[in-house]
Amino acid sequence: MPDIARDDDVIEIAHPPRFEMGERVISRSVVRNDGTYNGRDIGEVLVHKGEVGFVRSIGTFLQQFYIYAVEFTDSGHRVGMRAKELCTLDHLPEEVLAQLGERAAQLDSLR
């Protein structure tokens, strides 16, 4: 069996952060409160898949991962997320923008 590195085995902070401060991002998954978000019940949905936000700060966790504090405009929640849970809206490849067509213009209006 080949030795394949898992996501959690990679030391992300050995490389520059994937996202920049102020960058528009979209959530790739639903995020529920794991107990670290004050004022909300454990298990309550904080971020919906496809929700748009902005990177407000970049920190690290366990001297291994970047944690992006993302402020989601619709819900008003500021949530710490890993890069694998996010996708950029500001630096999409040209071929993706072409596939999006008119939706790309709608994304620009969110700036």
Protein backbone atom coordinates (compact mmCIF):
# COMPACT_ATOMS: atom_id res chain seq x y z
CA MET A 1 0.00 0.00 0.00
CA PRO A 2 1.47 3.42 -0.95
CA ASP A 3 2.29 5.89 1.80
CA ILE A 4 -0.21 8.72 1.24
CA ALA A 5 -0.02 11.79 3.51
CA ARG A 6 -3.34 12.69 5.06
CA ASP A 7 -4.51 16.30 5.32
CA ASP A 8 -3.86 16.29 9.05
CA ASP A 9 -0.27 15.11 8.53
CA VAL A 10 0.67 18.17 6.46
CA ILE A 11 2.29 21.13 8.20
CA GLU A 12 0.46 23.98 6.48
CA ILE A 13 2.43 26.74 8.18
CA ALA A 14 5.58 25.63 6.33
CA HIS A 15 3.96 27.41 3.34
CA PRO A 16 2.29 30.82 2.96
CA PRO A 17 -1.43 31.01 3.87
CA ARG A 18 -3.77 30.00 1.05
CA PHE A 19 -6.03 33.01 1.62
CA GLU A 20 -5.30 36.69 2.28
CA MET A 21 -6.80 39.19 4.69
CA GLY A 22 -9.97 40.65 3.21
CA GLU A 23 -10.31 37.93 0.59
CA ARG A 24 -13.84 36.83 -0.27
CA VAL A 25 -14.38 33.13 0.38
CA ILE A 26 -17.26 30.68 0.29
CA SER A 27 -17.91 27.86 2.74
CA ARG A 28 -17.54 24.39 1.24
CA SER A 29 -19.52 22.78 4.04
CA VAL A 30 -21.97 23.34 6.87
CA VAL A 31 -20.27 24.44 10.11
CA ARG A 32 -21.91 23.61 13.43
CA ASN A 33 -21.03 24.95 16.86
CA ASP A 34 -18.65 22.52 18.55
CA GLY A 35 -19.06 24.37 21.83
CA THR A 36 -16.47 27.06 21.16
CA TYR A 37 -18.94 29.65 19.82
CA ASN A 38 -20.46 31.50 22.78
CA GLY A 39 -24.17 32.19 22.88
CA ARG A 40 -25.17 29.37 20.53
CA ASP A 41 -26.16 25.79 21.31
CA ILE A 42 -23.78 22.93 20.57
CA GLY A 43 -24.68 21.50 17.18
CA GLU A 44 -26.41 24.68 16.00
CA VAL A 45 -25.60 25.63 12.40
CA LEU A 46 -23.33 28.68 12.29
CA VAL A 47 -22.46 28.67 8.59
CA HIS A 48 -24.33 27.12 5.68
CA LYS A 49 -22.63 25.52 2.69
CA GLY A 50 -22.22 28.21 0.03
CA GLU A 51 -22.32 31.12 2.47
CA VAL A 52 -20.03 34.01 1.50
CA GLY A 53 -17.64 35.68 3.91
CA PHE A 54 -14.43 37.67 4.22
CA VAL A 55 -11.15 36.59 5.83
CA ARG A 56 -10.69 38.92 8.81
CA SER A 57 -7.59 37.40 10.41
CA ILE A 58 -5.22 34.47 10.06
CA GLY A 59 -3.91 32.49 13.00
CA THR A 60 -2.41 29.07 13.59
CA PHE A 61 -3.44 25.98 15.51
CA LEU A 62 -1.11 23.37 17.00
CA GLN A 63 1.82 24.96 15.16
CA GLN A 64 0.59 23.05 12.12
CA PHE A 65 -2.54 24.57 10.55
CA TYR A 66 -3.70 27.99 9.49
CA ILE A 67 -7.03 29.02 10.96
CA TYR A 68 -8.88 31.70 9.02
CA ALA A 69 -11.29 33.88 11.00
CA VAL A 70 -14.05 34.39 8.45
CA GLU A 71 -16.85 36.89 8.90
CA PHE A 72 -19.96 35.67 7.13
CA THR A 73 -22.06 38.61 6.00
CA ASP A 74 -25.50 36.97 5.94
CA SER A 75 -25.39 35.41 9.41
CA GLY A 76 -22.98 37.88 11.00
CA HIS A 77 -21.00 35.01 12.50
CA ARG A 78 -17.22 35.10 12.70
CA VAL A 79 -15.95 31.54 12.59
CA GLY A 80 -12.49 29.95 12.53
CA MET A 81 -12.08 27.66 9.54
CA ARG A 82 -9.42 25.56 7.87
CA ALA A 83 -8.40 26.12 4.24
CA LYS A 84 -9.97 22.82 3.18
CA GLU A 85 -13.36 24.17 4.33
CA LEU A 86 -13.12 27.29 2.13
CA CYS A 87 -12.89 28.29 -1.52
CA THR A 88 -11.78 31.68 -2.83
CA LEU A 89 -14.11 33.98 -4.73
CA ASP A 90 -11.45 36.58 -5.50
CA HIS A 91 -8.85 34.43 -7.24
CA LEU A 92 -10.86 32.01 -9.35
CA PRO A 93 -9.10 30.69 -12.46
CA GLU A 94 -10.25 32.20 -15.77
CA GLU A 95 -11.77 28.89 -16.90
CA VAL A 96 -13.96 28.78 -13.77
CA LEU A 97 -15.09 32.39 -14.30
CA ALA A 98 -15.97 31.52 -17.90
CA GLN A 99 -18.08 28.59 -16.71
CA LEU A 100 -19.88 30.82 -14.22
CA GLY A 101 -20.88 33.31 -16.92
CA GLU A 102 -23.36 35.85 -15.51
CA ARG A 103 -22.94 34.44 -12.01
CA ALA A 104 -19.34 35.74 -12.04
CA ALA A 105 -20.70 39.28 -12.38
CA GLN A 106 -23.03 38.63 -9.44
CA LEU A 107 -20.04 37.53 -7.36
CA ASP A 108 -18.25 40.77 -8.24
CA SER A 109 -21.19 42.75 -6.89
CA LEU A 110 -20.55 41.21 -3.44
CA ARG A 111 -17.29 43.13 -3.06
